[in-house]
Amino acid sequence: PTEEHYLPLLVAAGASFGTDATRLVEGGMTY
């Protein structure tokens, strides 16, 4: 509903390099 908890994903993606492999770190669904 508001963006502030999504935006850190873009910070992390922005700090990545084009040669970086991406990896899902599973956390599941809570509540």
Full PDB file with SEQRES, HELIX, SHEET, SSBOND, CRYST1, ORIGX, SCALE, CONECT and MASTER records, all heavy atoms in Angstrom:
SEQRES   1 A   31  PRO THR GLU GLU HIS TYR LEU PRO LEU LEU VAL ALA ALA          
SEQRES   2 A   31  GLY ALA SER PHE GLY THR ASP ALA THR ARG LEU VAL GLU          
SEQRES   3 A   31  GLY GLY MET THR TYR                                          
HELIX    1 AA1 LEU A    7  GLY A   14  1                                   8    
CRYST1    1.000    1.000    1.000  90.00  90.00  90.00 P 1           1          
ORIGX1      1.000000  0.000000  0.000000        0.00000                         
ORIGX2      0.000000  1.000000  0.000000        0.00000                         
ORIGX3      0.000000  0.000000  1.000000        0.00000                         
SCALE1      1.000000  0.000000  0.000000        0.00000                         
SCALE2      0.000000  1.000000  0.000000        0.00000                         
SCALE3      0.000000  0.000000  1.000000        0.00000                         
ATOM      1  N   PRO A   1       0.812  -1.216   0.000  1.00  0.00           N  
ATOM      2  CA  PRO A   1       0.000   0.000   0.000  1.00  0.00           C  
ATOM      3  C   PRO A   1       0.847   1.268   0.000  1.00  0.00           C  
ATOM      4  O   PRO A   1       0.459   2.289  -0.558  1.00  0.00           O  
ATOM      5  CB  PRO A   1      -0.814  -0.127   1.292  1.00  0.00           C  
ATOM      6  CG  PRO A   1      -0.890  -1.614   1.533  1.00  0.00           C  
ATOM      7  CD  PRO A   1       0.427  -2.147   1.072  1.00  0.00           C  
ATOM      8  N   THR A   2       1.999   1.201   0.644  1.00  0.00           N  
ATOM      9  CA  THR A   2       3.020   2.241   0.536  1.00  0.00           C  
ATOM     10  C   THR A   2       4.316   1.556   0.100  1.00  0.00           C  
ATOM     11  O   THR A   2       4.496   0.355   0.300  1.00  0.00           O  
ATOM     12  CB  THR A   2       3.222   2.977   1.864  1.00  0.00           C  
ATOM     13  OG1 THR A   2       3.529   2.020   2.899  1.00  0.00           O  
ATOM     14  CG2 THR A   2       1.967   3.741   2.257  1.00  0.00           C  
ATOM     15  N   GLU A   3       5.248   2.316  -0.457  1.00  0.00           N  
ATOM     16  CA  GLU A   3       6.371   1.708  -1.161  1.00  0.00           C  
ATOM     17  C   GLU A   3       7.618   1.456  -0.325  1.00  0.00           C  
ATOM     18  O   GLU A   3       8.531   0.762  -0.771  1.00  0.00           O  
ATOM     19  CB  GLU A   3       6.787   2.596  -2.338  1.00  0.00           C  
ATOM     20  CG  GLU A   3       5.786   2.665  -3.465  1.00  0.00           C  
ATOM     21  CD  GLU A   3       6.405   3.262  -4.714  1.00  0.00           C  
ATOM     22  OE1 GLU A   3       6.490   4.505  -4.791  1.00  0.00           O  
ATOM     23  OE2 GLU A   3       6.815   2.489  -5.594  1.00  0.00           O  
ATOM     24  N   GLU A   4       7.678   1.999   0.896  1.00  0.00           N  
ATOM     25  CA  GLU A   4       8.970   2.066   1.574  1.00  0.00           C  
ATOM     26  C   GLU A   4       9.613   0.704   1.862  1.00  0.00           C  
ATOM     27  O   GLU A   4      10.832   0.591   1.935  1.00  0.00           O  
ATOM     28  CB  GLU A   4       8.854   2.878   2.871  1.00  0.00           C  
ATOM     29  CG  GLU A   4       8.136   2.195   4.031  1.00  0.00           C  
ATOM     30  CD  GLU A   4       6.624   2.191   3.882  1.00  0.00           C  
ATOM     31  OE1 GLU A   4       6.091   2.911   2.994  1.00  0.00           O  
ATOM     32  OE2 GLU A   4       5.953   1.473   4.650  1.00  0.00           O  
ATOM     33  N   HIS A   5       8.793  -0.360   2.007  1.00  0.00           N  
ATOM     34  CA  HIS A   5       9.380  -1.672   2.273  1.00  0.00           C  
ATOM     35  C   HIS A   5       9.790  -2.422   0.994  1.00  0.00           C  
ATOM     36  O   HIS A   5      10.494  -3.427   1.071  1.00  0.00           O  
ATOM     37  CB  HIS A   5       8.426  -2.533   3.109  1.00  0.00           C  
ATOM     38  CG  HIS A   5       8.521  -2.257   4.569  1.00  0.00           C  
ATOM     39  ND1 HIS A   5       8.010  -1.120   5.145  1.00  0.00           N  
ATOM     40  CD2 HIS A   5       9.098  -2.966   5.584  1.00  0.00           C  
ATOM     41  CE1 HIS A   5       8.244  -1.133   6.442  1.00  0.00           C  
ATOM     42  NE2 HIS A   5       8.916  -2.231   6.731  1.00  0.00           N  
ATOM     43  N   TYR A   6       9.346  -1.937  -0.149  1.00  0.00           N  
ATOM     44  CA  TYR A   6       9.765  -2.506  -1.434  1.00  0.00           C  
ATOM     45  C   TYR A   6      11.045  -1.843  -1.936  1.00  0.00           C  
ATOM     46  O   TYR A   6      11.907  -2.505  -2.535  1.00  0.00           O  
ATOM     47  CB  TYR A   6       8.661  -2.331  -2.468  1.00  0.00           C  
ATOM     48  CG  TYR A   6       9.011  -2.835  -3.860  1.00  0.00           C  
ATOM     49  CD1 TYR A   6       8.853  -4.177  -4.202  1.00  0.00           C  
ATOM     50  CD2 TYR A   6       9.519  -1.966  -4.829  1.00  0.00           C  
ATOM     51  CE1 TYR A   6       9.181  -4.644  -5.475  1.00  0.00           C  
ATOM     52  CE2 TYR A   6       9.845  -2.418  -6.102  1.00  0.00           C  
ATOM     53  CZ  TYR A   6       9.669  -3.755  -6.414  1.00  0.00           C  
ATOM     54  OH  TYR A   6      10.004  -4.215  -7.667  1.00  0.00           O  
ATOM     55  N   LEU A   7      11.196  -0.551  -1.701  1.00  0.00           N  
ATOM     56  CA  LEU A   7      12.297   0.208  -2.283  1.00  0.00           C  
ATOM     57  C   LEU A   7      13.682  -0.324  -1.919  1.00  0.00           C  
ATOM     58  O   LEU A   7      14.604  -0.244  -2.748  1.00  0.00           O  
ATOM     59  CB  LEU A   7      12.170   1.688  -1.901  1.00  0.00           C  
ATOM     60  CG  LEU A   7      10.917   2.387  -2.443  1.00  0.00           C  
ATOM     61  CD1 LEU A   7      10.883   3.841  -1.989  1.00  0.00           C  
ATOM     62  CD2 LEU A   7      10.847   2.295  -3.962  1.00  0.00           C  
ATOM     63  N   PRO A   8      13.902  -0.888  -0.719  1.00  0.00           N  
ATOM     64  CA  PRO A   8      15.235  -1.445  -0.441  1.00  0.00           C  
ATOM     65  C   PRO A   8      15.647  -2.565  -1.397  1.00  0.00           C  
ATOM     66  O   PRO A   8      16.849  -2.806  -1.581  1.00  0.00           O  
ATOM     67  CB  PRO A   8      15.110  -1.952   1.004  1.00  0.00           C  
ATOM     68  CG  PRO A   8      14.096  -1.030   1.615  1.00  0.00           C  
ATOM     69  CD  PRO A   8      13.092  -0.815   0.525  1.00  0.00           C  
ATOM     70  N   LEU A   9      14.677  -3.259  -2.013  1.00  0.00           N  
ATOM     71  CA  LEU A   9      15.024  -4.245  -3.035  1.00  0.00           C  
ATOM     72  C   LEU A   9      15.735  -3.566  -4.194  1.00  0.00           C  
ATOM     73  O   LEU A   9      16.719  -4.087  -4.738  1.00  0.00           O  
ATOM     74  CB  LEU A   9      13.766  -4.965  -3.525  1.00  0.00           C  
ATOM     75  CG  LEU A   9      13.922  -5.841  -4.782  1.00  0.00           C  
ATOM     76  CD1 LEU A   9      14.931  -6.959  -4.551  1.00  0.00           C  
ATOM     77  CD2 LEU A   9      12.579  -6.418  -5.206  1.00  0.00           C  
ATOM     78  N   LEU A  10      15.262  -2.384  -4.575  1.00  0.00           N  
ATOM     79  CA  LEU A  10      15.878  -1.661  -5.681  1.00  0.00           C  
ATOM     80  C   LEU A  10      17.228  -1.084  -5.276  1.00  0.00           C  
ATOM     81  O   LEU A  10      18.127  -0.956  -6.114  1.00  0.00           O  
ATOM     82  CB  LEU A  10      14.940  -0.567  -6.174  1.00  0.00           C  
ATOM     83  CG  LEU A  10      13.699  -1.122  -6.868  1.00  0.00           C  
ATOM     84  CD1 LEU A  10      12.661  -0.047  -7.090  1.00  0.00           C  
ATOM     85  CD2 LEU A  10      14.074  -1.778  -8.191  1.00  0.00           C  
ATOM     86  N   VAL A  11      17.393  -0.747  -4.010  1.00  0.00           N  
ATOM     87  CA  VAL A  11      18.712  -0.321  -3.539  1.00  0.00           C  
ATOM     88  C   VAL A  11      19.709  -1.467  -3.699  1.00  0.00           C  
ATOM     89  O   VAL A  11      20.811  -1.287  -4.219  1.00  0.00           O  
ATOM     90  CB  VAL A  11      18.645   0.140  -2.076  1.00  0.00           C  
ATOM     91  CG1 VAL A  11      20.058   0.434  -1.544  1.00  0.00           C  
ATOM     92  CG2 VAL A  11      17.762   1.376  -1.926  1.00  0.00           C  
ATOM     93  N   ALA A  12      19.309  -2.663  -3.256  1.00  0.00           N  
ATOM     94  CA  ALA A  12      20.196  -3.825  -3.370  1.00  0.00           C  
ATOM     95  C   ALA A  12      20.474  -4.169  -4.826  1.00  0.00           C  
ATOM     96  O   ALA A  12      21.610  -4.486  -5.200  1.00  0.00           O  
ATOM     97  CB  ALA A  12      19.580  -5.021  -2.652  1.00  0.00           C  
ATOM     98  N   ALA A  13      19.441  -4.108  -5.669  1.00  0.00           N  
ATOM     99  CA  ALA A  13      19.629  -4.386  -7.095  1.00  0.00           C  
ATOM    100  C   ALA A  13      20.511  -3.325  -7.745  1.00  0.00           C  
ATOM    101  O   ALA A  13      21.355  -3.641  -8.595  1.00  0.00           O  
ATOM    102  CB  ALA A  13      18.277  -4.463  -7.797  1.00  0.00           C  
ATOM    103  N   GLY A  14      20.331  -2.080  -7.344  1.00  0.00           N  
ATOM    104  CA  GLY A  14      21.161  -1.007  -7.885  1.00  0.00           C  
ATOM    105  C   GLY A  14      22.620  -1.161  -7.507  1.00  0.00           C  
ATOM    106  O   GLY A  14      23.510  -0.788  -8.280  1.00  0.00           O  
ATOM    107  N   ALA A  15      22.876  -1.703  -6.321  1.00  0.00           N  
ATOM    108  CA  ALA A  15      24.251  -1.906  -5.863  1.00  0.00           C  
ATOM    109  C   ALA A  15      24.893  -3.144  -6.484  1.00  0.00           C  
ATOM    110  O   ALA A  15      26.073  -3.406  -6.261  1.00  0.00           O  
ATOM    111  CB  ALA A  15      24.284  -2.019  -4.338  1.00  0.00           C  
ATOM    112  N   SER A  16      24.126  -3.917  -7.250  1.00  0.00           N  
ATOM    113  CA  SER A  16      24.675  -5.124  -7.880  1.00  0.00           C  
ATOM    114  C   SER A  16      25.409  -4.759  -9.160  1.00  0.00           C  
ATOM    115  O   SER A  16      25.196  -3.707  -9.750  1.00  0.00           O  
ATOM    116  CB  SER A  16      23.561  -6.134  -8.168  1.00  0.00           C  
ATOM    117  OG  SER A  16      22.720  -5.675  -9.212  1.00  0.00           O  
ATOM    118  N   PHE A  17      26.291  -5.668  -9.571  1.00  0.00           N  
ATOM    119  CA  PHE A  17      27.022  -5.514 -10.821  1.00  0.00           C  
ATOM    120  C   PHE A  17      26.414  -6.440 -11.873  1.00  0.00           C  
ATOM    121  O   PHE A  17      25.816  -7.470 -11.539  1.00  0.00           O  
ATOM    122  CB  PHE A  17      28.502  -5.847 -10.627  1.00  0.00           C  
ATOM    123  CG  PHE A  17      29.178  -5.015  -9.570  1.00  0.00           C  
ATOM    124  CD1 PHE A  17      29.968  -5.612  -8.595  1.00  0.00           C  
ATOM    125  CD2 PHE A  17      29.035  -3.645  -9.544  1.00  0.00           C  
ATOM    126  CE1 PHE A  17      30.597  -4.862  -7.618  1.00  0.00           C  
ATOM    127  CE2 PHE A  17      29.655  -2.865  -8.571  1.00  0.00           C  
ATOM    128  CZ  PHE A  17      30.443  -3.478  -7.610  1.00  0.00           C  
ATOM    129  N   GLY A  18      26.606  -6.093 -13.135  1.00  0.00           N  
ATOM    130  CA  GLY A  18      26.031  -6.892 -14.202  1.00  0.00           C  
ATOM    131  C   GLY A  18      26.539  -8.322 -14.226  1.00  0.00           C  
ATOM    132  O   GLY A  18      25.871  -9.217 -14.738  1.00  0.00           O  
ATOM    133  N   THR A  19      27.729  -8.535 -13.670  1.00  0.00           N  
ATOM    134  CA  THR A  19      28.309  -9.883 -13.651  1.00  0.00           C  
ATOM    135  C   THR A  19      27.863 -10.702 -12.442  1.00  0.00           C  
ATOM    136  O   THR A  19      28.191 -11.888 -12.347  1.00  0.00           O  
ATOM    137  CB  THR A  19      29.841  -9.787 -13.644  1.00  0.00           C  
ATOM    138  OG1 THR A  19      30.254  -8.960 -12.535  1.00  0.00           O  
ATOM    139  CG2 THR A  19      30.352  -9.170 -14.937  1.00  0.00           C  
ATOM    140  N   ASP A  20      27.128 -10.094 -11.513  1.00  0.00           N  
ATOM    141  CA  ASP A  20      26.704 -10.804 -10.308  1.00  0.00           C  
ATOM    142  C   ASP A  20      25.672 -11.878 -10.632  1.00  0.00           C  
ATOM    143  O   ASP A  20      24.690 -11.609 -11.339  1.00  0.00           O  
ATOM    144  CB  ASP A  20      26.059  -9.842  -9.297  1.00  0.00           C  
ATOM    145  CG  ASP A  20      27.067  -8.951  -8.600  1.00  0.00           C  
ATOM    146  OD1 ASP A  20      28.255  -9.329  -8.552  1.00  0.00           O  
ATOM    147  OD2 ASP A  20      26.662  -7.879  -8.101  1.00  0.00           O  
ATOM    148  N   ALA A  21      25.858 -13.048 -10.079  1.00  0.00           N  
ATOM    149  CA  ALA A  21      24.794 -14.055 -10.110  1.00  0.00           C  
ATOM    150  C   ALA A  21      23.751 -13.666  -9.068  1.00  0.00           C  
ATOM    151  O   ALA A  21      24.075 -13.125  -8.007  1.00  0.00           O  
ATOM    152  CB  ALA A  21      25.359 -15.429  -9.797  1.00  0.00           C  
ATOM    153  N   THR A  22      22.481 -13.904  -9.389  1.00  0.00           N  
ATOM    154  CA  THR A  22      21.407 -13.629  -8.444  1.00  0.00           C  
ATOM    155  C   THR A  22      20.990 -14.922  -7.768  1.00  0.00           C  
ATOM    156  O   THR A  22      21.051 -15.999  -8.355  1.00  0.00           O  
ATOM    157  CB  THR A  22      20.195 -12.994  -9.139  1.00  0.00           C  
ATOM    158  OG1 THR A  22      19.675 -13.905 -10.102  1.00  0.00           O  
ATOM    159  CG2 THR A  22      20.592 -11.695  -9.828  1.00  0.00           C  
ATOM    160  N   ARG A  23      20.550 -14.803  -6.529  1.00  0.00           N  
ATOM    161  CA  ARG A  23      20.194 -15.991  -5.761  1.00  0.00           C  
ATOM    162  C   ARG A  23      18.980 -15.695  -4.892  1.00  0.00           C  
ATOM    163  O   ARG A  23      18.958 -14.711  -4.146  1.00  0.00           O  
ATOM    164  CB  ARG A  23      21.370 -16.392  -4.869  1.00  0.00           C  
ATOM    165  CG  ARG A  23      21.061 -17.454  -3.826  1.00  0.00           C  
ATOM    166  CD  ARG A  23      21.322 -18.821  -4.367  1.00  0.00           C  
ATOM    167  NE  ARG A  23      20.799 -19.881  -3.504  1.00  0.00           N  
ATOM    168  CZ  ARG A  23      21.400 -21.044  -3.323  1.00  0.00           C  
ATOM    169  NH1 ARG A  23      22.559 -21.297  -3.905  1.00  0.00           N  
ATOM    170  NH2 ARG A  23      20.846 -21.979  -2.575  1.00  0.00           N  
ATOM    171  N   LEU A  24      17.965 -16.527  -4.994  1.00  0.00           N  
ATOM    172  CA  LEU A  24      16.836 -16.454  -4.080  1.00  0.00           C  
ATOM    173  C   LEU A  24      17.271 -17.024  -2.734  1.00  0.00           C  
ATOM    174  O   LEU A  24      17.870 -18.096  -2.665  1.00  0.00           O  
ATOM    175  CB  LEU A  24      15.658 -17.251  -4.620  1.00  0.00           C  
ATOM    176  CG  LEU A  24      14.492 -17.501  -3.650  1.00  0.00           C  
ATOM    177  CD1 LEU A  24      13.749 -16.204  -3.353  1.00  0.00           C  
ATOM    178  CD2 LEU A  24      13.545 -18.552  -4.212  1.00  0.00           C  
ATOM    179  N   VAL A  25      16.982 -16.309  -1.668  1.00  0.00           N  
ATOM    180  CA  VAL A  25      17.199 -16.801  -0.313  1.00  0.00           C  
ATOM    181  C   VAL A  25      15.810 -17.022   0.276  1.00  0.00           C  
ATOM    182  O   VAL A  25      15.114 -16.068   0.625  1.00  0.00           O  
ATOM    183  CB  VAL A  25      18.007 -15.802   0.535  1.00  0.00           C  
ATOM    184  CG1 VAL A  25      18.279 -16.387   1.923  1.00  0.00           C  
ATOM    185  CG2 VAL A  25      19.319 -15.442  -0.158  1.00  0.00           C  
ATOM    186  N   GLU A  26      15.408 -18.257   0.351  1.00  0.00           N  
ATOM    187  CA  GLU A  26      14.022 -18.549   0.703  1.00  0.00           C  
ATOM    188  C   GLU A  26      13.716 -18.207   2.160  1.00  0.00           C  
ATOM    189  O   GLU A  26      14.492 -18.484   3.063  1.00  0.00           O  
ATOM    190  CB  GLU A  26      13.715 -20.025   0.426  1.00  0.00           C  
ATOM    191  CG  GLU A  26      13.756 -20.357  -1.059  1.00  0.00           C  
ATOM    192  CD  GLU A  26      13.196 -21.731  -1.363  1.00  0.00           C  
ATOM    193  OE1 GLU A  26      12.536 -22.318  -0.478  1.00  0.00           O  
ATOM    194  OE2 GLU A  26      13.404 -22.212  -2.484  1.00  0.00           O  
ATOM    195  N   GLY A  27      12.545 -17.601   2.329  1.00  0.00           N  
ATOM    196  CA  GLY A  27      12.113 -17.236   3.674  1.00  0.00           C  
ATOM    197  C   GLY A  27      10.702 -17.681   3.998  1.00  0.00           C  
ATOM    198  O   GLY A  27      10.280 -17.619   5.150  1.00  0.00           O  
ATOM    199  N   GLY A  28       9.962 -18.121   2.965  1.00  0.00           N  
ATOM    200  CA  GLY A  28       8.590 -18.567   3.208  1.00  0.00           C  
ATOM    201  C   GLY A  28       7.636 -17.404   3.421  1.00  0.00           C  
ATOM    202  O   GLY A  28       7.999 -16.229   3.308  1.00  0.00           O  
ATOM    203  N   MET A  29       6.392 -17.748   3.731  1.00  0.00           N  
ATOM    204  CA  MET A  29       5.332 -16.761   3.953  1.00  0.00           C  
ATOM    205  C   MET A  29       4.918 -16.811   5.413  1.00  0.00           C  
ATOM    206  O   MET A  29       4.563 -17.863   5.938  1.00  0.00           O  
ATOM    207  CB  MET A  29       4.134 -17.076   3.054  1.00  0.00           C  
ATOM    208  CG  MET A  29       3.053 -16.005   3.059  1.00  0.00           C  
ATOM    209  SD  MET A  29       3.508 -14.484   2.179  1.00  0.00           S  
ATOM    210  CE  MET A  29       3.581 -15.056   0.471  1.00  0.00           C  
ATOM    211  N   THR A  30       5.007 -15.684   6.108  1.00  0.00           N  
ATOM    212  CA  THR A  30       4.617 -15.620   7.510  1.00  0.00           C  
ATOM    213  C   THR A  30       3.316 -14.843   7.662  1.00  0.00           C  
ATOM    214  O   THR A  30       3.014 -13.961   6.851  1.00  0.00           O  
ATOM    215  CB  THR A  30       5.711 -14.954   8.363  1.00  0.00           C  
ATOM    216  OG1 THR A  30       5.932 -13.620   7.888  1.00  0.00           O  
ATOM    217  CG2 THR A  30       7.009 -15.732   8.275  1.00  0.00           C  
ATOM    218  N   TYR A  31       2.540 -15.175   8.680  1.00  0.00           N  
ATOM    219  CA  TYR A  31       1.269 -14.506   8.960  1.00  0.00           C  
ATOM    220  C   TYR A  31       0.343 -14.500   7.744  1.00  0.00           C  
ATOM    221  O   TYR A  31      -0.517 -13.632   7.609  1.00  0.00           O  
ATOM    222  CB  TYR A  31       1.508 -13.081   9.462  1.00  0.00           C  
ATOM    223  CG  TYR A  31       2.366 -13.015  10.699  1.00  0.00           C  
ATOM    224  CD1 TYR A  31       3.726 -12.746  10.613  1.00  0.00           C  
ATOM    225  CD2 TYR A  31       1.823 -13.268  11.955  1.00  0.00           C  
ATOM    226  CE1 TYR A  31       4.524 -12.699  11.741  1.00  0.00           C  
ATOM    227  CE2 TYR A  31       2.617 -13.223  13.100  1.00  0.00           C  
ATOM    228  CZ  TYR A  31       3.958 -12.947  12.987  1.00  0.00           C  
ATOM    229  OH  TYR A  31       4.744 -12.911  14.111  1.00  0.00           O  
TER     230      TYR A  31                                                      
MASTER        0    0    0    1    0    0    0    6  229    1    0    3          
END                                                                             
